[in-house]
Amino acid sequence: MKRTMNLRSRVLVEARRWIGTPYRHQGSCRGAGCDCLGLVRGIWRSLYGDEPEAPPAYTPDWAERCGGETLLEAAQRHLVEIDIRAVKPGDVLLFRPDLNGPAKHCAIVSGPTGIIHAYWGRAVAETSLSHWWQRRLVAAFAFPQRGH
């Protein structure tokens, strides 16, 4: 891609390339399978090359079992935290599917009311940022201007 395209636009173009990739727990291979984290990891690799850290093996209930904010803390280490009210297409959103649980789902903002994400039993899709998701939104991030 041209370097003249802004970073958020590059993220969004790459995220849309993943649409239709089947859901695969712990996957991160466009066209073959990914989960929500795998989608973000794949976009990172497209932008910067190597990932900043390898994710540990995790089970579908990892967040509930560990009780920590593993996903949120990893996002804070490698992405740039932004105000939720200032999100733009190409930014990353984190959600708490269980309102009382840790953040364990992520998506890419695709427009004022849209997100691109992979979730259990579905392929990567562009869906509505519905009230259900909005209630569970906990943090927003931008990809850094360069990898670190």
N, C-alpha and C. Protein backbone atom coordinates (compact mmCIF):
# COMPACT_ATOMS: atom_id res chain seq x y z
N MET A 1 0.83 -1.19 0.00
CA MET A 1 0.00 0.00 0.00
C MET A 1 0.87 1.24 0.00
N LYS A 2 0.32 2.29 -0.53
CA LYS A 2 1.07 3.55 -0.55
C LYS A 2 1.26 4.08 0.85
N ARG A 3 2.42 4.63 1.10
CA ARG A 3 2.68 5.25 2.40
C ARG A 3 1.85 6.52 2.59
N THR A 4 1.33 7.07 1.50
CA THR A 4 0.57 8.30 1.60
C THR A 4 -0.82 8.06 2.20
N MET A 5 -1.31 6.83 2.18
CA MET A 5 -2.60 6.53 2.78
C MET A 5 -2.45 6.62 4.29
N ASN A 6 -3.38 7.29 4.97
CA ASN A 6 -3.21 7.44 6.42
C ASN A 6 -3.37 6.09 7.12
N LEU A 7 -2.84 6.01 8.31
CA LEU A 7 -2.78 4.75 9.04
C LEU A 7 -4.16 4.15 9.28
N ARG A 8 -5.12 4.94 9.74
CA ARG A 8 -6.46 4.40 9.99
C ARG A 8 -7.08 3.84 8.71
N SER A 9 -6.86 4.50 7.60
CA SER A 9 -7.37 3.99 6.31
C SER A 9 -6.72 2.66 5.97
N ARG A 10 -5.43 2.55 6.21
CA ARG A 10 -4.72 1.29 5.94
C ARG A 10 -5.27 0.17 6.82
N VAL A 11 -5.55 0.48 8.09
CA VAL A 11 -6.13 -0.52 9.00
C VAL A 11 -7.47 -0.98 8.46
N LEU A 12 -8.30 -0.06 8.07
CA LEU A 12 -9.64 -0.39 7.59
C LEU A 12 -9.59 -1.21 6.30
N VAL A 13 -8.74 -0.83 5.38
CA VAL A 13 -8.58 -1.61 4.14
C VAL A 13 -8.16 -3.04 4.48
N GLU A 14 -7.19 -3.18 5.37
CA GLU A 14 -6.73 -4.52 5.75
C GLU A 14 -7.82 -5.30 6.47
N ALA A 15 -8.54 -4.66 7.38
CA ALA A 15 -9.62 -5.36 8.10
C ALA A 15 -10.66 -5.89 7.11
N ARG A 16 -11.00 -5.10 6.13
CA ARG A 16 -12.00 -5.55 5.14
C ARG A 16 -11.50 -6.72 4.31
N ARG A 17 -10.20 -6.85 4.14
CA ARG A 17 -9.63 -8.01 3.43
C ARG A 17 -9.89 -9.31 4.19
N TRP A 18 -10.13 -9.21 5.51
CA TRP A 18 -10.35 -10.38 6.35
C TRP A 18 -11.81 -10.81 6.39
N ILE A 19 -12.72 -9.98 5.87
CA ILE A 19 -14.15 -10.33 5.91
C ILE A 19 -14.36 -11.66 5.19
N GLY A 20 -15.11 -12.53 5.84
CA GLY A 20 -15.36 -13.87 5.32
C GLY A 20 -14.43 -14.94 5.87
N THR A 21 -13.33 -14.52 6.53
CA THR A 21 -12.43 -15.50 7.15
C THR A 21 -13.20 -16.22 8.25
N PRO A 22 -13.22 -17.56 8.22
CA PRO A 22 -13.99 -18.29 9.24
C PRO A 22 -13.46 -18.07 10.65
N TYR A 23 -14.36 -18.20 11.63
CA TYR A 23 -13.94 -18.10 13.03
C TYR A 23 -13.14 -19.34 13.39
N ARG A 24 -11.97 -19.15 13.94
CA ARG A 24 -11.13 -20.23 14.47
C ARG A 24 -10.49 -19.71 15.75
N HIS A 25 -10.81 -20.35 16.86
CA HIS A 25 -10.24 -19.96 18.15
C HIS A 25 -8.73 -19.98 18.06
N GLN A 26 -8.07 -18.93 18.46
CA GLN A 26 -6.63 -18.71 18.46
C GLN A 26 -6.04 -18.56 17.06
N GLY A 27 -6.86 -18.56 16.04
CA GLY A 27 -6.36 -18.43 14.68
C GLY A 27 -6.01 -16.99 14.35
N SER A 28 -5.12 -16.81 13.36
CA SER A 28 -4.76 -15.48 12.89
C SER A 28 -4.24 -15.55 11.46
N CYS A 29 -4.99 -16.25 10.61
CA CYS A 29 -4.57 -16.45 9.23
C CYS A 29 -5.72 -16.06 8.30
N ARG A 30 -5.54 -14.95 7.59
CA ARG A 30 -6.59 -14.45 6.70
C ARG A 30 -7.00 -15.54 5.71
N GLY A 31 -8.29 -15.75 5.61
CA GLY A 31 -8.84 -16.74 4.70
C GLY A 31 -8.97 -18.13 5.30
N ALA A 32 -8.10 -18.47 6.25
CA ALA A 32 -8.12 -19.80 6.86
C ALA A 32 -8.85 -19.81 8.19
N GLY A 33 -8.68 -18.78 9.02
CA GLY A 33 -9.38 -18.74 10.29
C GLY A 33 -8.75 -17.79 11.28
N CYS A 34 -9.61 -17.13 12.07
CA CYS A 34 -9.13 -16.24 13.12
C CYS A 34 -10.22 -16.02 14.14
N ASP A 35 -9.79 -15.55 15.30
CA ASP A 35 -10.73 -15.06 16.30
C ASP A 35 -10.56 -13.54 16.34
N CYS A 36 -11.23 -12.87 17.28
CA CYS A 36 -11.17 -11.40 17.28
C CYS A 36 -9.75 -10.89 17.50
N LEU A 37 -9.01 -11.51 18.40
CA LEU A 37 -7.63 -11.10 18.62
C LEU A 37 -6.77 -11.42 17.40
N GLY A 38 -7.03 -12.55 16.78
CA GLY A 38 -6.29 -12.93 15.57
C GLY A 38 -6.46 -11.93 14.45
N LEU A 39 -7.64 -11.34 14.35
CA LEU A 39 -7.87 -10.30 13.35
C LEU A 39 -6.96 -9.10 13.61
N VAL A 40 -6.94 -8.63 14.86
CA VAL A 40 -6.08 -7.49 15.21
C VAL A 40 -4.61 -7.85 15.01
N ARG A 41 -4.22 -9.06 15.39
CA ARG A 41 -2.84 -9.50 15.20
C ARG A 41 -2.47 -9.52 13.72
N GLY A 42 -3.39 -10.00 12.88
CA GLY A 42 -3.13 -10.05 11.44
C GLY A 42 -2.97 -8.66 10.84
N ILE A 43 -3.79 -7.73 11.30
CA ILE A 43 -3.66 -6.35 10.83
C ILE A 43 -2.31 -5.78 11.27
N TRP A 44 -1.92 -6.04 12.52
CA TRP A 44 -0.62 -5.58 13.01
C TRP A 44 0.50 -6.09 12.09
N ARG A 45 0.47 -7.38 11.77
CA ARG A 45 1.52 -7.95 10.92
C ARG A 45 1.54 -7.28 9.55
N SER A 46 0.38 -6.98 9.01
CA SER A 46 0.31 -6.32 7.71
C SER A 46 0.93 -4.92 7.77
N LEU A 47 0.72 -4.23 8.89
CA LEU A 47 1.25 -2.87 9.04
C LEU A 47 2.73 -2.84 9.37
N TYR A 48 3.15 -3.73 10.29
CA TYR A 48 4.48 -3.59 10.90
C TYR A 48 5.40 -4.79 10.75
N GLY A 49 4.90 -5.92 10.31
CA GLY A 49 5.73 -7.13 10.29
C GLY A 49 5.48 -7.95 11.54
N ASP A 50 6.53 -8.30 12.23
CA ASP A 50 6.41 -9.16 13.41
C ASP A 50 5.51 -8.56 14.48
N GLU A 51 4.80 -9.44 15.18
CA GLU A 51 3.97 -9.01 16.30
C GLU A 51 4.86 -8.61 17.47
N PRO A 52 4.41 -7.69 18.31
CA PRO A 52 5.24 -7.23 19.42
C PRO A 52 5.42 -8.27 20.51
N GLU A 53 4.49 -9.21 20.63
CA GLU A 53 4.63 -10.31 21.58
C GLU A 53 3.72 -11.44 21.11
N ALA A 54 4.11 -12.65 21.43
CA ALA A 54 3.27 -13.80 21.08
C ALA A 54 2.21 -13.98 22.15
N PRO A 55 0.96 -14.14 21.74
CA PRO A 55 -0.06 -14.37 22.76
C PRO A 55 0.11 -15.77 23.36
N PRO A 56 -0.18 -15.93 24.63
CA PRO A 56 -0.12 -17.26 25.22
C PRO A 56 -1.29 -18.09 24.69
N ALA A 57 -1.18 -19.40 24.82
CA ALA A 57 -2.33 -20.25 24.49
C ALA A 57 -3.47 -19.85 25.41
N TYR A 58 -4.69 -19.84 24.89
CA TYR A 58 -5.83 -19.45 25.71
C TYR A 58 -7.05 -20.28 25.33
N THR A 59 -7.86 -20.57 26.31
CA THR A 59 -9.09 -21.31 26.11
C THR A 59 -10.22 -20.33 25.87
N PRO A 60 -11.37 -20.80 25.36
CA PRO A 60 -12.48 -19.87 25.14
C PRO A 60 -12.93 -19.14 26.42
N ASP A 61 -12.71 -19.73 27.57
CA ASP A 61 -13.12 -19.09 28.83
C ASP A 61 -11.94 -18.50 29.60
N TRP A 62 -10.84 -18.19 28.89
CA TRP A 62 -9.62 -17.72 29.55
C TRP A 62 -9.86 -16.50 30.43
N ALA A 63 -10.64 -15.56 29.96
CA ALA A 63 -10.82 -14.31 30.72
C ALA A 63 -11.57 -14.56 32.02
N GLU A 64 -12.57 -15.40 31.96
CA GLU A 64 -13.34 -15.70 33.17
C GLU A 64 -12.50 -16.49 34.17
N ARG A 65 -11.68 -17.39 33.67
CA ARG A 65 -10.87 -18.22 34.58
C ARG A 65 -9.73 -17.45 35.21
N CYS A 66 -9.08 -16.56 34.47
CA CYS A 66 -7.93 -15.85 35.04
C CYS A 66 -8.36 -14.63 35.84
N GLY A 67 -9.52 -14.04 35.50
CA GLY A 67 -10.02 -12.91 36.26
C GLY A 67 -9.28 -11.61 36.03
N GLY A 68 -8.20 -11.63 35.29
CA GLY A 68 -7.45 -10.40 35.04
C GLY A 68 -7.92 -9.70 33.78
N GLU A 69 -7.29 -8.59 33.50
CA GLU A 69 -7.60 -7.81 32.30
C GLU A 69 -6.50 -8.02 31.26
N THR A 70 -6.26 -9.28 30.91
CA THR A 70 -5.16 -9.65 30.01
C THR A 70 -5.24 -8.93 28.67
N LEU A 71 -6.40 -8.94 28.04
CA LEU A 71 -6.55 -8.30 26.74
C LEU A 71 -6.39 -6.78 26.83
N LEU A 72 -7.02 -6.19 27.80
CA LEU A 72 -6.92 -4.74 28.00
C LEU A 72 -5.47 -4.33 28.26
N GLU A 73 -4.78 -5.07 29.12
CA GLU A 73 -3.38 -4.74 29.44
C GLU A 73 -2.48 -4.90 28.22
N ALA A 74 -2.73 -5.91 27.39
CA ALA A 74 -1.93 -6.08 26.17
C ALA A 74 -2.18 -4.93 25.21
N ALA A 75 -3.44 -4.53 25.06
CA ALA A 75 -3.75 -3.39 24.20
C ALA A 75 -3.05 -2.13 24.70
N GLN A 76 -3.03 -1.93 26.00
CA GLN A 76 -2.37 -0.75 26.57
C GLN A 76 -0.86 -0.77 26.34
N ARG A 77 -0.28 -1.96 26.25
CA ARG A 77 1.17 -2.07 26.00
C ARG A 77 1.53 -1.74 24.56
N HIS A 78 0.65 -2.07 23.61
CA HIS A 78 1.06 -2.01 22.21
C HIS A 78 0.28 -1.05 21.33
N LEU A 79 -0.87 -0.60 21.78
CA LEU A 79 -1.68 0.33 21.02
C LEU A 79 -1.73 1.67 21.76
N VAL A 80 -2.31 2.67 21.14
CA VAL A 80 -2.40 4.01 21.73
C VAL A 80 -3.83 4.21 22.23
N GLU A 81 -4.01 4.32 23.55
CA GLU A 81 -5.35 4.47 24.09
C GLU A 81 -5.91 5.84 23.72
N ILE A 82 -7.17 5.86 23.31
CA ILE A 82 -7.85 7.09 22.91
C ILE A 82 -9.20 7.17 23.62
N ASP A 83 -9.77 8.34 23.64
CA ASP A 83 -11.09 8.55 24.23
C ASP A 83 -12.13 7.82 23.38
N ILE A 84 -13.00 7.07 24.02
CA ILE A 84 -14.03 6.32 23.31
C ILE A 84 -14.88 7.25 22.44
N ARG A 85 -15.08 8.48 22.88
CA ARG A 85 -15.92 9.42 22.12
C ARG A 85 -15.21 9.96 20.88
N ALA A 86 -13.92 9.66 20.73
CA ALA A 86 -13.14 10.19 19.60
C ALA A 86 -12.77 9.13 18.58
N VAL A 87 -13.39 7.96 18.64
CA VAL A 87 -13.00 6.88 17.72
C VAL A 87 -13.33 7.24 16.28
N LYS A 88 -12.51 6.69 15.41
CA LYS A 88 -12.66 6.88 13.96
C LYS A 88 -12.48 5.52 13.30
N PRO A 89 -12.96 5.39 12.06
CA PRO A 89 -12.72 4.14 11.35
C PRO A 89 -11.24 3.78 11.34
N GLY A 90 -10.97 2.52 11.65
CA GLY A 90 -9.60 2.04 11.74
C GLY A 90 -9.11 1.89 13.17
N ASP A 91 -9.86 2.38 14.14
CA ASP A 91 -9.49 2.22 15.54
C ASP A 91 -9.97 0.87 16.07
N VAL A 92 -9.43 0.48 17.20
CA VAL A 92 -9.74 -0.80 17.84
C VAL A 92 -10.61 -0.54 19.06
N LEU A 93 -11.68 -1.32 19.20
CA LEU A 93 -12.55 -1.24 20.37
C LEU A 93 -12.43 -2.52 21.18
N LEU A 94 -12.48 -2.40 22.50
CA LEU A 94 -12.51 -3.55 23.39
C LEU A 94 -13.84 -3.58 24.13
N PHE A 95 -14.35 -4.79 24.33
CA PHE A 95 -15.66 -4.99 24.93
C PHE A 95 -15.61 -6.00 26.06
N ARG A 96 -16.58 -5.88 26.98
CA ARG A 96 -16.83 -6.87 28.02
C ARG A 96 -18.13 -7.57 27.65
N PRO A 97 -18.07 -8.74 26.98
CA PRO A 97 -19.32 -9.43 26.64
C PRO A 97 -20.19 -9.69 27.88
N ASP A 98 -19.55 -10.04 28.99
CA ASP A 98 -20.24 -10.15 30.28
C ASP A 98 -19.99 -8.83 30.99
N LEU A 99 -21.04 -8.09 31.26
CA LEU A 99 -20.88 -6.75 31.84
C LEU A 99 -20.06 -6.74 33.13
N ASN A 100 -20.04 -7.86 33.85
CA ASN A 100 -19.28 -7.94 35.09
C ASN A 100 -17.94 -8.64 34.92
N GLY A 101 -17.61 -9.01 33.70
CA GLY A 101 -16.38 -9.75 33.45
C GLY A 101 -15.30 -8.87 32.84
N PRO A 102 -14.16 -9.47 32.56
CA PRO A 102 -13.06 -8.74 31.94
C PRO A 102 -13.30 -8.48 30.45
N ALA A 103 -12.58 -7.54 29.89
CA ALA A 103 -12.62 -7.30 28.45
C ALA A 103 -12.07 -8.54 27.75
N LYS A 104 -12.83 -9.04 26.76
CA LYS A 104 -12.35 -10.23 26.05
C LYS A 104 -12.78 -10.28 24.60
N HIS A 105 -13.23 -9.16 24.06
CA HIS A 105 -13.58 -9.11 22.64
C HIS A 105 -13.07 -7.80 22.06
N CYS A 106 -12.61 -7.86 20.81
CA CYS A 106 -12.13 -6.65 20.15
C CYS A 106 -12.67 -6.57 18.73
N ALA A 107 -12.71 -5.36 18.22
CA ALA A 107 -13.23 -5.12 16.87
C ALA A 107 -12.57 -3.88 16.30
N ILE A 108 -12.67 -3.74 14.99
CA ILE A 108 -12.16 -2.57 14.28
C ILE A 108 -13.35 -1.69 13.91
N VAL A 109 -13.27 -0.41 14.19
CA VAL A 109 -14.32 0.52 13.81
C VAL A 109 -14.32 0.65 12.29
N SER A 110 -15.51 0.47 11.67
CA SER A 110 -15.59 0.58 10.22
C SER A 110 -16.35 1.82 9.77
N GLY A 111 -17.04 2.46 10.68
CA GLY A 111 -17.81 3.66 10.36
C GLY A 111 -18.52 4.14 11.61
N PRO A 112 -19.37 5.13 11.49
CA PRO A 112 -20.03 5.69 12.68
C PRO A 112 -20.85 4.66 13.46
N THR A 113 -21.39 3.67 12.77
CA THR A 113 -22.21 2.67 13.44
C THR A 113 -21.81 1.25 13.06
N GLY A 114 -20.57 1.06 12.64
CA GLY A 114 -20.15 -0.26 12.19
C GLY A 114 -18.84 -0.73 12.79
N ILE A 115 -18.71 -2.05 12.90
CA ILE A 115 -17.47 -2.67 13.37
C ILE A 115 -17.19 -3.91 12.51
N ILE A 116 -15.91 -4.25 12.43
CA ILE A 116 -15.47 -5.48 11.78
C ILE A 116 -14.86 -6.33 12.87
N HIS A 117 -15.36 -7.56 12.98
CA HIS A 117 -14.87 -8.44 14.04
C HIS A 117 -15.16 -9.89 13.72
N ALA A 118 -14.47 -10.76 14.45
CA ALA A 118 -14.70 -12.20 14.38
C ALA A 118 -15.29 -12.61 15.71
N TYR A 119 -16.36 -13.36 15.66
CA TYR A 119 -16.90 -13.85 16.92
C TYR A 119 -17.44 -15.25 16.75
N TRP A 120 -17.52 -15.92 17.87
CA TRP A 120 -17.81 -17.35 17.95
C TRP A 120 -18.91 -17.77 16.98
N GLY A 121 -18.62 -18.77 16.16
CA GLY A 121 -19.61 -19.34 15.27
C GLY A 121 -19.86 -18.56 13.99
N ARG A 122 -19.11 -17.50 13.76
CA ARG A 122 -19.31 -16.67 12.56
C ARG A 122 -17.98 -16.43 11.87
N ALA A 123 -18.06 -15.98 10.66
CA ALA A 123 -16.87 -15.51 9.95
C ALA A 123 -16.63 -14.05 10.32
N VAL A 124 -15.46 -13.54 9.99
CA VAL A 124 -15.21 -12.10 10.17
C VAL A 124 -16.28 -11.37 9.35
N ALA A 125 -16.92 -10.41 9.99
CA ALA A 125 -18.01 -9.70 9.35
C ALA A 125 -18.02 -8.23 9.76
N GLU A 126 -18.61 -7.43 8.91
CA GLU A 126 -18.86 -6.03 9.24
C GLU A 126 -20.30 -5.96 9.73
N THR A 127 -20.48 -5.59 10.99
CA THR A 127 -21.80 -5.58 11.60
C THR A 127 -22.07 -4.21 12.24
N SER A 128 -23.27 -4.08 12.74
CA SER A 128 -23.66 -2.85 13.41
C SER A 128 -23.05 -2.78 14.80
N LEU A 129 -22.65 -1.60 15.18
CA LEU A 129 -22.24 -1.35 16.56
C LEU A 129 -23.54 -1.10 17.33
N SER A 130 -24.25 -2.19 17.55
CA SER A 130 -25.59 -2.13 18.14
C SER A 130 -25.53 -1.69 19.60
N HIS A 131 -26.70 -1.43 20.14
CA HIS A 131 -26.80 -1.04 21.55
C HIS A 131 -26.16 -2.11 22.44
N TRP A 132 -26.35 -3.38 22.09
CA TRP A 132 -25.77 -4.47 22.88
C TRP A 132 -24.25 -4.29 22.98
N TRP A 133 -23.58 -4.03 21.85
CA TRP A 133 -22.13 -3.82 21.86
C TRP A 133 -21.77 -2.50 22.54
N GLN A 134 -22.51 -1.45 22.27
CA GLN A 134 -22.21 -0.15 22.87
C GLN A 134 -22.22 -0.22 24.39
N ARG A 135 -23.15 -0.96 24.97
CA ARG A 135 -23.21 -1.09 26.43
C ARG A 135 -21.98 -1.80 26.99
N ARG A 136 -21.31 -2.58 26.19
CA ARG A 136 -20.19 -3.40 26.64
C ARG A 136 -18.83 -2.81 26.28
N LEU A 137 -18.83 -1.69 25.61
CA LEU A 137 -17.59 -1.02 25.19
C LEU A 137 -16.84 -0.50 26.40
N VAL A 138 -15.56 -0.86 26.51
CA VAL A 138 -14.78 -0.43 27.68
C VAL A 138 -13.55 0.42 27.34
N ALA A 139 -13.03 0.29 26.14
CA ALA A 139 -11.81 1.03 25.81
C ALA A 139 -11.68 1.14 24.30
N ALA A 140 -10.93 2.15 23.87
CA ALA A 140 -10.66 2.36 22.45
C ALA A 140 -9.18 2.66 22.27
N PHE A 141 -8.66 2.21 21.15
CA PHE A 141 -7.23 2.36 20.86
C PHE A 141 -7.03 2.66 19.38
N ALA A 142 -5.91 3.30 19.08
CA ALA A 142 -5.45 3.48 17.71
C ALA A 142 -4.17 2.67 17.55
N PHE A 143 -3.92 2.23 16.34
CA PHE A 143 -2.63 1.60 16.07
C PHE A 143 -1.56 2.68 16.16
N PRO A 144 -0.37 2.34 16.65
CA PRO A 144 0.69 3.35 16.76
C PRO A 144 1.18 3.77 15.37
N GLN A 145 1.74 4.94 15.27
CA GLN A 145 2.23 5.43 13.98
C GLN A 145 3.31 4.54 13.40
N ARG A 146 3.99 3.81 14.24
CA ARG A 146 4.95 2.79 13.75
C ARG A 146 5.04 1.71 14.80
N GLY A 147 5.42 0.52 14.37
CA GLY A 147 5.53 -0.60 15.31
C GLY A 147 6.61 -0.36 16.33
N HIS A 148 6.48 -1.04 17.45
CA HIS A 148 7.51 -0.91 18.49
C HIS A 148 7.75 -2.24 19.15
